[in-house]
N, C-alpha and C. Protein backbone atom coordinates (compact mmCIF):
# COMPACT_ATOMS: atom_id res chain seq x y z
N UNK A 1 306.60 144.45 99.68
CA UNK A 1 305.94 143.41 99.99
C UNK A 1 306.37 142.91 98.64
N UNK A 2 307.10 141.72 99.23
CA UNK A 2 306.62 141.24 97.69
C UNK A 2 305.82 139.57 97.82
N UNK A 3 305.70 138.85 97.23
CA UNK A 3 304.53 137.93 97.12
C UNK A 3 305.00 137.11 96.16
N UNK A 4 304.98 135.66 97.02
CA UNK A 4 305.87 134.47 96.69
C UNK A 4 304.94 133.71 95.76
N UNK A 5 304.66 134.03 94.39
CA UNK A 5 303.60 132.92 93.39
C UNK A 5 303.63 131.33 93.79
N UNK A 6 302.08 130.64 94.59
CA UNK A 6 302.31 129.99 94.36
C UNK A 6 302.12 129.04 93.44
N UNK A 7 303.03 127.81 93.65
CA UNK A 7 303.07 126.50 92.26
C UNK A 7 302.10 125.92 92.55
N UNK A 8 302.25 125.43 91.86
CA UNK A 8 300.88 124.55 91.55
C UNK A 8 300.99 123.10 91.86
N UNK A 9 300.65 122.57 92.59
CA UNK A 9 301.42 121.33 93.20
C UNK A 9 301.00 119.76 91.92
N UNK A 10 299.70 120.22 91.13
CA UNK A 10 299.26 119.14 89.88
C UNK A 10 299.93 120.06 88.73
N UNK A 11 300.10 119.10 87.58
CA UNK A 11 300.79 120.29 86.27
C UNK A 11 299.14 119.97 85.62
N UNK A 12 298.95 121.70 85.17
CA UNK A 12 297.34 121.40 84.12
C UNK A 12 297.90 122.33 83.02
N UNK A 13 297.06 121.60 82.13
CA UNK A 13 296.96 122.12 80.84
C UNK A 13 296.16 123.61 81.03
N UNK A 14 296.54 124.40 79.81
CA UNK A 14 296.19 125.62 79.91
C UNK A 14 294.33 125.80 79.48
N UNK A 15 293.75 125.26 80.14
CA UNK A 15 291.95 125.04 79.60
C UNK A 15 291.52 124.66 80.81
N UNK A 16 291.29 126.31 80.77
CA UNK A 16 290.35 126.39 82.07
C UNK A 16 289.21 126.02 82.13
N UNK A 17 288.51 124.92 81.09
CA UNK A 17 287.31 124.11 80.84
C UNK A 17 287.64 123.10 81.19
N UNK A 18 288.51 122.40 81.03
CA UNK A 18 289.09 120.97 82.04
C UNK A 18 288.64 120.94 83.01
N UNK A 19 288.21 119.53 83.29
CA UNK A 19 287.47 119.25 84.73
C UNK A 19 288.79 119.38 85.62
N UNK A 20 288.46 119.59 86.74
CA UNK A 20 289.06 119.05 88.08
C UNK A 20 289.12 118.41 88.72
N UNK A 21 290.07 117.65 89.22
CA UNK A 21 289.64 116.46 90.20
C UNK A 21 289.29 116.84 91.21
N UNK A 22 288.02 117.34 90.94
CA UNK A 22 286.77 118.07 92.69
C UNK A 22 287.53 116.98 94.44
N UNK A 23 287.43 115.73 93.74
CA UNK A 23 287.64 115.30 95.27
C UNK A 23 289.28 115.58 95.54
N UNK A 24 290.21 116.14 95.49
CA UNK A 24 291.65 116.86 95.72
C UNK A 24 291.39 117.19 96.56
N UNK A 25 290.30 117.86 96.75
CA UNK A 25 289.79 119.47 97.71
C UNK A 25 288.93 118.55 98.66
N UNK A 26 288.18 117.66 99.45
CA UNK A 26 288.35 116.98 100.20
C UNK A 26 289.74 117.10 101.57
N UNK A 27 290.31 116.58 101.59
CA UNK A 27 291.22 117.15 102.39
C UNK A 27 291.10 118.40 102.87
N UNK A 28 291.42 119.60 102.25
CA UNK A 28 291.56 120.96 102.82
C UNK A 28 290.70 121.30 103.42
N UNK A 29 288.72 120.90 102.78
CA UNK A 29 287.84 120.87 103.20
C UNK A 29 287.62 120.17 105.14
N UNK A 30 288.29 119.18 104.46
CA UNK A 30 288.01 118.92 105.97
C UNK A 30 288.54 119.50 106.84
N UNK A 31 290.07 119.80 106.75
CA UNK A 31 290.86 120.29 107.64
C UNK A 31 289.98 121.90 108.06
N UNK A 32 289.77 122.82 107.20
CA UNK A 32 288.73 123.98 107.44
C UNK A 32 287.67 123.79 107.48
N UNK A 33 286.68 123.19 107.42
CA UNK A 33 285.78 122.91 107.83
C UNK A 33 285.02 123.55 109.62
N UNK A 34 284.18 124.54 109.12
CA UNK A 34 283.55 124.61 110.35
C UNK A 34 284.53 125.87 111.36
N UNK A 35 285.58 126.29 110.66
CA UNK A 35 286.45 127.12 111.36
C UNK A 35 286.05 128.40 111.39
N UNK A 36 286.25 129.23 112.19
CA UNK A 36 285.78 130.52 111.71
C UNK A 36 287.12 131.33 110.95
N UNK A 37 286.74 132.14 110.28
CA UNK A 37 287.33 133.19 108.96
C UNK A 37 288.46 131.79 108.09
N UNK A 38 287.59 130.75 107.00
CA UNK A 38 288.16 129.58 106.54
C UNK A 38 288.24 130.25 105.00
N UNK A 39 287.63 131.34 104.49
CA UNK A 39 287.18 131.56 103.38
C UNK A 39 288.19 131.84 102.84
N UNK A 40 289.78 132.68 103.06
CA UNK A 40 290.97 132.82 103.22
C UNK A 40 291.57 131.50 102.43
N UNK A 41 292.21 131.25 103.64
CA UNK A 41 292.88 129.83 103.58
C UNK A 41 292.20 128.80 102.35
N UNK A 42 290.52 128.61 102.85
CA UNK A 42 290.34 128.06 101.28
C UNK A 42 290.68 127.65 100.66
N UNK A 43 290.50 129.15 99.94
CA UNK A 43 290.55 129.53 98.46
C UNK A 43 292.12 129.55 98.16
N UNK A 44 292.92 129.74 99.38
CA UNK A 44 294.82 129.55 98.78
C UNK A 44 294.93 127.90 98.79
N UNK A 45 294.06 127.72 99.72
CA UNK A 45 294.69 125.91 99.32
C UNK A 45 294.60 125.42 98.41
N UNK A 46 293.03 126.00 97.32
CA UNK A 46 292.46 125.32 96.14
C UNK A 46 293.59 125.90 95.35
N UNK A 47 294.27 127.43 94.97
CA UNK A 47 294.75 127.92 94.42
C UNK A 47 295.98 127.35 94.34
N UNK A 48 296.66 126.67 95.46
CA UNK A 48 297.75 126.01 95.46
C UNK A 48 297.60 124.64 94.98
N UNK A 49 296.66 123.86 95.44
CA UNK A 49 296.57 123.01 94.00
C UNK A 49 296.02 122.98 93.21
N UNK A 50 295.42 123.65 92.22
CA UNK A 50 295.33 123.88 90.93
C UNK A 50 295.89 124.93 90.42
N UNK A 51 296.45 125.50 91.29
CA UNK A 51 297.21 126.47 90.11
C UNK A 51 296.28 127.87 90.37
N UNK A 52 294.92 127.08 90.34
CA UNK A 52 294.09 128.80 89.93
C UNK A 52 292.69 128.34 90.92
N UNK A 53 291.53 128.78 90.82
CA UNK A 53 290.52 128.71 91.23
C UNK A 53 289.43 128.27 90.52
N UNK A 54 289.24 126.65 90.01
CA UNK A 54 288.36 126.53 89.16
C UNK A 54 286.94 126.64 89.42
N UNK A 55 286.04 126.69 88.56
CA UNK A 55 284.65 127.23 88.86
C UNK A 55 283.72 126.37 89.77
N UNK A 56 284.54 124.85 88.84
CA UNK A 56 283.96 123.90 89.97
C UNK A 56 284.12 124.02 91.39
N UNK A 57 285.62 124.36 91.76
CA UNK A 57 286.14 124.52 93.48
C UNK A 57 284.99 125.62 93.88
N UNK A 58 284.84 126.62 92.89
CA UNK A 58 283.43 127.03 94.14
C UNK A 58 282.65 126.93 94.47
N UNK A 59 281.74 126.13 93.74
CA UNK A 59 280.17 125.53 94.09
C UNK A 59 280.84 124.23 94.73
N UNK A 60 281.66 123.49 94.74
CA UNK A 60 281.98 122.03 95.58
C UNK A 60 282.83 122.72 96.94
N UNK A 61 283.26 124.20 97.42
CA UNK A 61 283.39 125.05 98.47
C UNK A 61 281.77 125.44 99.25
N UNK A 62 281.37 126.01 97.76
CA UNK A 62 279.98 126.61 98.60
C UNK A 62 279.33 125.19 99.21
N UNK A 63 278.62 124.52 98.51
CA UNK A 63 278.03 123.29 99.04
C UNK A 63 278.57 122.65 100.60
N UNK A 64 280.02 122.78 100.83
CA UNK A 64 280.37 121.97 101.83
C UNK A 64 280.60 122.66 102.69
N UNK A 65 280.28 124.25 102.67
CA UNK A 65 280.77 125.38 103.85
C UNK A 65 279.82 125.89 103.66
N UNK A 66 278.64 126.25 103.90
CA UNK A 66 277.97 127.27 103.83
C UNK A 66 277.98 128.68 102.87
N UNK A 67 279.41 128.94 102.22
CA UNK A 67 279.92 130.14 102.21
C UNK A 67 278.93 130.37 100.72
N UNK A 68 278.26 132.19 100.68
CA UNK A 68 277.88 131.87 99.09
C UNK A 68 278.86 132.16 98.25
N UNK A 69 277.90 131.77 96.90
CA UNK A 69 278.58 132.33 96.45
C UNK A 69 279.71 133.59 95.76
N UNK A 70 278.82 134.45 96.09
CA UNK A 70 278.94 136.05 95.46
C UNK A 70 280.20 136.31 96.88
N UNK A 71 279.88 135.65 97.40
CA UNK A 71 281.27 136.14 98.65
C UNK A 71 282.28 135.58 98.59
N UNK A 72 282.36 134.41 97.98
CA UNK A 72 283.66 133.57 97.34
C UNK A 72 283.85 134.28 96.27
N UNK A 73 283.13 134.92 95.29
CA UNK A 73 284.00 135.03 94.27
C UNK A 73 284.34 137.16 94.05
N UNK A 74 283.41 137.26 95.48
CA UNK A 74 284.33 138.76 96.13
C UNK A 74 285.45 138.69 96.56
N UNK A 75 285.71 137.89 97.55
CA UNK A 75 286.84 137.88 97.59
C UNK A 75 288.14 137.03 96.97
N UNK A 76 287.74 136.59 96.38
CA UNK A 76 288.27 135.77 94.97
C UNK A 76 288.77 136.65 93.94
N UNK A 77 288.17 137.72 93.90
CA UNK A 77 288.63 139.04 92.87
C UNK A 77 289.29 140.04 93.52
N UNK A 78 289.11 140.71 94.72
CA UNK A 78 289.42 141.67 95.25
C UNK A 78 291.03 141.52 95.54
N UNK A 79 291.02 140.24 96.17
CA UNK A 79 292.86 140.10 96.28
C UNK A 79 293.69 139.68 95.16
N UNK A 80 294.52 140.19 94.50
CA UNK A 80 295.49 140.04 93.46
C UNK A 80 295.63 139.02 93.27
N UNK A 81 296.00 137.90 95.18
CA UNK A 81 296.74 136.91 95.16
C UNK A 81 295.96 135.72 94.12
N UNK A 82 294.50 136.17 94.30
CA UNK A 82 293.95 134.57 93.68
C UNK A 82 293.81 135.30 92.14
N UNK A 83 293.58 133.70 91.29
CA UNK A 83 294.26 134.03 89.97
C UNK A 83 292.45 132.94 89.93
N UNK A 84 291.79 133.37 88.29
CA UNK A 84 290.52 132.71 88.27
C UNK A 84 290.86 131.75 87.36
N UNK A 85 292.03 131.93 86.68
CA UNK A 85 292.48 131.21 85.23
C UNK A 85 293.56 130.55 85.17
N UNK A 86 294.39 129.82 84.77
CA UNK A 86 295.15 129.38 84.62
C UNK A 86 296.28 130.05 84.41
N UNK A 87 297.73 130.00 84.97
CA UNK A 87 298.94 130.81 84.29
C UNK A 87 299.79 130.52 83.94
N UNK A 88 300.92 131.08 83.38
CA UNK A 88 301.93 130.24 82.74
C UNK A 88 302.91 129.71 84.09
N UNK A 89 304.16 128.87 83.17
CA UNK A 89 305.08 128.51 84.80
C UNK A 89 305.82 129.72 84.53
N UNK A 90 306.03 130.84 84.26
CA UNK A 90 306.32 132.35 84.36
C UNK A 90 305.65 132.95 84.23
N UNK A 91 305.04 133.85 85.36
CA UNK A 91 304.65 135.25 85.32
C UNK A 91 305.24 136.56 85.30
N UNK A 92 305.30 137.37 84.49
CA UNK A 92 306.14 138.13 84.01
C UNK A 92 305.37 139.44 84.40
N UNK A 93 306.01 140.10 85.49
CA UNK A 93 305.42 141.60 86.27
C UNK A 93 306.04 142.52 85.38
N UNK A 94 305.31 143.93 84.26
CA UNK A 94 305.51 144.44 84.28
C UNK A 94 305.34 145.49 84.89
N UNK A 95 306.11 146.93 85.91
CA UNK A 95 305.56 147.67 86.15
C UNK A 95 305.73 148.88 85.43
N UNK A 96 304.48 149.97 85.87
CA UNK A 96 303.86 150.65 85.47
C UNK A 96 304.36 152.00 86.10
N UNK A 97 304.20 152.03 87.63
CA UNK A 97 304.49 152.85 88.39
C UNK A 97 305.15 154.19 87.76
N UNK A 98 304.90 155.48 88.14
CA UNK A 98 305.67 156.55 88.08
C UNK A 98 306.50 156.44 87.30
N UNK A 99 307.92 156.04 88.10
CA UNK A 99 309.44 156.19 87.96
C UNK A 99 309.11 155.24 86.61
N UNK A 100 308.64 154.14 86.16
CA UNK A 100 308.32 153.10 85.47
C UNK A 100 308.25 153.66 84.03
N UNK A 101 307.00 154.42 84.21
CA UNK A 101 306.15 155.26 83.61
C UNK A 101 307.32 156.08 82.56
N UNK A 102 307.68 156.86 83.50
CA UNK A 102 308.88 158.14 83.08
C UNK A 102 309.53 157.50 81.96
N UNK A 103 309.91 156.25 82.63
CA UNK A 103 311.91 155.57 81.87
C UNK A 103 311.38 154.81 80.90
N UNK A 104 309.77 155.02 79.94
CA UNK A 104 308.97 153.99 78.80
C UNK A 104 309.05 152.33 79.21
N UNK A 105 308.43 152.31 80.42
CA UNK A 105 308.14 151.34 80.55
C UNK A 105 307.08 150.62 79.64
N UNK A 106 306.24 151.49 79.17
CA UNK A 106 305.73 151.03 77.75
C UNK A 106 306.42 149.91 76.66
N UNK A 107 307.47 150.74 76.49
CA UNK A 107 307.94 150.00 75.62
C UNK A 107 308.69 148.19 75.80
N UNK A 108 308.60 148.60 76.91
CA UNK A 108 308.64 146.67 77.39
C UNK A 108 307.57 146.33 77.05
N UNK A 109 306.62 146.17 77.38
CA UNK A 109 305.20 145.84 77.48
C UNK A 109 305.29 145.48 76.01
N UNK A 110 305.10 146.93 75.32
CA UNK A 110 304.64 145.88 73.65
C UNK A 110 306.50 145.36 73.11
N UNK A 111 307.05 145.04 73.78
CA UNK A 111 308.62 144.45 73.39
C UNK A 111 307.87 142.85 73.12
N UNK A 112 307.50 142.83 75.25
CA UNK A 112 306.92 141.47 75.16
C UNK A 112 305.97 140.59 74.94
N UNK A 113 304.36 142.05 74.60
CA UNK A 113 303.08 141.71 73.79
C UNK A 113 304.01 141.05 72.50
N UNK A 114 304.60 141.56 71.40
CA UNK A 114 305.09 141.09 70.44
C UNK A 114 306.06 139.40 70.18
N UNK A 115 306.66 139.55 71.48
CA UNK A 115 307.68 138.81 71.60
C UNK A 115 306.57 137.25 71.75
N UNK A 116 305.93 137.57 72.74
CA UNK A 116 305.03 136.23 73.00
C UNK A 116 303.77 135.95 72.60
N UNK A 117 303.31 137.12 71.01
CA UNK A 117 302.03 136.98 70.48
C UNK A 117 301.13 137.25 71.97
N UNK A 118 301.67 138.06 72.98
CA UNK A 118 300.01 138.20 73.58
C UNK A 118 299.55 139.27 74.23
N UNK A 119 298.50 139.87 74.60
CA UNK A 119 298.13 140.90 75.17
C UNK A 119 298.68 140.79 76.74
N UNK A 120 298.56 141.83 77.20
CA UNK A 120 298.37 142.26 78.73
C UNK A 120 297.29 140.50 79.76
N UNK A 121 297.58 140.05 80.22
CA UNK A 121 296.62 139.92 81.38
C UNK A 121 296.66 138.44 80.71
N UNK A 122 297.51 137.52 79.92
CA UNK A 122 297.09 136.63 78.80
C UNK A 122 298.14 135.47 79.03
N UNK A 123 298.05 134.32 78.74
CA UNK A 123 299.35 132.64 79.08
C UNK A 123 299.37 133.00 77.37
N UNK A 124 300.66 132.47 76.86
CA UNK A 124 300.97 132.29 75.78
C UNK A 124 300.30 130.55 75.46
N UNK A 125 300.68 130.49 74.78
CA UNK A 125 299.93 128.91 74.49
C UNK A 125 300.39 127.87 74.74
N UNK A 126 301.79 127.36 74.94
CA UNK A 126 302.04 126.76 74.97
C UNK A 126 302.28 126.31 76.84
N UNK A 127 301.98 127.57 77.31
CA UNK A 127 301.57 127.39 78.84
C UNK A 127 303.51 128.71 79.89
N UNK A 128 303.98 128.56 79.17
CA UNK A 128 305.38 128.76 79.87
C UNK A 128 304.74 130.39 80.23
N UNK A 129 304.01 131.39 79.78
CA UNK A 129 304.53 132.83 80.07
C UNK A 129 303.04 133.37 80.20
N UNK A 130 302.50 134.11 81.34
CA UNK A 130 301.21 134.95 81.46
C UNK A 130 302.39 136.51 82.13
N UNK A 131 301.75 137.12 81.60
CA UNK A 131 302.45 138.44 81.15
C UNK A 131 300.92 139.43 81.77
N UNK A 132 301.84 140.50 82.67
CA UNK A 132 300.99 141.37 83.60
C UNK A 132 301.57 142.60 83.59
N UNK A 133 300.95 143.77 83.47
CA UNK A 133 300.92 144.82 84.03
C UNK A 133 301.08 145.49 85.47
N UNK A 134 301.84 145.75 85.95
CA UNK A 134 301.30 146.33 87.30
C UNK A 134 301.55 147.26 87.97
N UNK A 135 300.79 148.14 88.67
CA UNK A 135 301.05 149.72 89.33
C UNK A 135 302.29 149.76 89.62
N UNK A 136 303.18 149.10 90.84
CA UNK A 136 304.62 149.09 90.93
C UNK A 136 305.23 147.96 91.74
N UNK A 137 306.49 147.85 91.20
CA UNK A 137 307.35 146.91 92.35
C UNK A 137 307.80 147.25 93.53
N UNK A 138 308.27 148.17 93.41
CA UNK A 138 308.83 149.04 94.56
C UNK A 138 310.35 149.20 94.23
N UNK A 139 310.56 149.05 93.06
CA UNK A 139 312.22 149.20 92.92
C UNK A 139 312.38 150.46 91.83
N UNK A 140 312.17 151.50 92.29
CA UNK A 140 312.23 152.83 91.15
C UNK A 140 313.60 153.17 91.07
N UNK A 141 314.29 152.87 91.81
CA UNK A 141 315.78 153.42 91.22
C UNK A 141 316.09 152.25 89.97
N UNK A 142 315.35 151.46 89.86
CA UNK A 142 316.33 150.30 89.00
C UNK A 142 314.99 150.54 87.84
N UNK A 143 313.86 151.26 87.09
CA UNK A 143 313.02 151.61 86.36
C UNK A 143 314.09 151.57 84.72
N UNK A 144 312.89 151.30 84.51
CA UNK A 144 312.10 150.47 84.27
C UNK A 144 312.06 149.03 84.48
N UNK A 145 311.20 148.05 85.13
CA UNK A 145 311.95 147.41 85.59
C UNK A 145 310.63 146.15 85.24
N UNK A 146 311.00 144.87 85.48
CA UNK A 146 309.93 143.65 85.74
C UNK A 146 310.37 142.26 86.45
N UNK A 147 309.43 141.95 86.65
CA UNK A 147 310.25 140.93 87.44
C UNK A 147 309.69 140.04 86.64
N UNK A 148 310.39 138.69 86.92
CA UNK A 148 309.98 137.25 86.13
C UNK A 148 310.07 136.18 87.88
N UNK A 149 308.79 135.90 87.18
CA UNK A 149 308.68 134.88 88.92
C UNK A 149 309.28 135.54 89.99
N UNK A 150 310.57 135.20 90.85
CA UNK A 150 311.81 136.06 92.54
C UNK A 150 312.08 136.73 91.64
N UNK A 151 312.72 136.82 90.08
CA UNK A 151 313.89 137.51 90.16
C UNK A 151 313.33 139.03 89.14
N UNK A 152 313.94 139.89 89.80
CA UNK A 152 313.54 141.33 89.43
C UNK A 152 314.77 142.17 88.10
N UNK A 153 314.24 142.71 87.46
CA UNK A 153 315.27 142.86 86.50
C UNK A 153 315.24 144.08 86.01
N UNK A 154 316.07 145.19 85.84
CA UNK A 154 316.55 146.87 86.00
C UNK A 154 316.92 147.58 84.96
N UNK A 155 316.53 149.11 84.09
CA UNK A 155 316.84 149.44 83.71
C UNK A 155 317.13 149.07 82.31
N UNK A 156 316.01 148.17 82.33
CA UNK A 156 315.68 147.76 80.94
C UNK A 156 315.16 148.37 79.70
N UNK A 157 314.98 147.66 78.24
CA UNK A 157 315.11 148.67 76.95
C UNK A 157 313.75 147.16 76.55
N UNK A 158 313.38 147.28 75.50
CA UNK A 158 313.05 146.24 74.90
C UNK A 158 314.05 145.31 74.20
N UNK A 159 314.58 145.38 73.47
CA UNK A 159 315.76 144.30 73.16
C UNK A 159 316.55 143.94 74.18
N UNK A 160 316.76 144.36 75.94
CA UNK A 160 317.37 143.98 77.17
C UNK A 160 315.68 142.68 76.86
N UNK A 161 314.78 143.45 77.77
CA UNK A 161 313.78 142.64 77.75
C UNK A 161 313.43 141.16 76.63
N UNK A 162 313.63 140.66 75.89
CA UNK A 162 313.27 139.91 74.68
C UNK A 162 314.13 139.25 74.80
N UNK A 163 315.56 139.62 75.24
CA UNK A 163 316.89 138.64 75.80
C UNK A 163 316.78 137.93 76.86
N UNK A 164 315.97 138.41 77.46
CA UNK A 164 315.90 137.85 79.19
C UNK A 164 315.32 136.60 78.24
N UNK A 165 313.84 137.12 77.73
CA UNK A 165 312.84 136.25 76.93
C UNK A 165 313.76 134.80 76.58
N UNK A 166 314.28 135.38 75.74
CA UNK A 166 314.70 134.10 74.46
C UNK A 166 316.06 133.18 75.81
N UNK A 167 316.52 133.80 76.99
CA UNK A 167 317.24 133.20 78.21
C UNK A 167 316.54 131.82 78.84
N UNK A 168 315.61 132.16 78.65
CA UNK A 168 314.86 131.85 80.10
C UNK A 168 314.12 130.76 78.96
N UNK A 169 313.63 131.24 77.75
CA UNK A 169 312.81 129.99 76.96
C UNK A 169 314.32 128.67 76.66
N UNK A 170 315.58 128.96 76.44
CA UNK A 170 316.82 128.55 76.15
C UNK A 170 316.61 127.39 76.95
N UNK A 171 316.54 127.92 78.28
CA UNK A 171 316.79 127.03 79.63
C UNK A 171 315.72 125.97 80.26
N UNK A 172 314.78 126.48 79.53
CA UNK A 172 313.57 125.52 79.97
C UNK A 172 313.84 124.53 78.89
N UNK A 173 313.90 124.61 77.56
CA UNK A 173 314.45 123.71 76.94
C UNK A 173 315.47 122.99 77.44
N UNK A 174 316.42 123.27 77.14
CA UNK A 174 317.65 122.87 78.53
C UNK A 174 317.37 121.63 79.35
N UNK A 175 316.18 122.21 79.81
CA UNK A 175 315.68 121.33 81.23
C UNK A 175 315.33 120.12 80.68
N UNK A 176 314.72 119.95 79.29
CA UNK A 176 313.10 118.97 78.96
C UNK A 176 313.36 118.04 78.86
């Protein structure tokens, strides 16, 4: 199953310590307040709004709904869909499942880390890319594989991977 990344409605700089406008949560809280099973939808809508779930948002949601902070963090850290830090415009997922591993997915990750100057799980300073290793993308016949957004790239090596990055960067510059 593929999960489409929720694009943030508000453009935020990549500074998780930067204060966010928590008043934007009021409409969401009003919609879900008092409804049974509201925690996951509240977290999803908060992430949709900010692109991630800021720490201050947890505090406000807890105060308004009565959900314990520990419960909220437990849910947010259990499900891979939730992010506690800002992410780049393009999320690069490199598959490290068995088929990709034996086809040298590590070479893709290393090439991306060198080209982007980030480690796994980090975001580039310009906010354009976030690099993630994942357990499986379900594209074993295309191993080794990476996904950038909704686009899947297979039968890769380090050079092809970096070329794809350059094309995306070129496209981004052209669209500015």
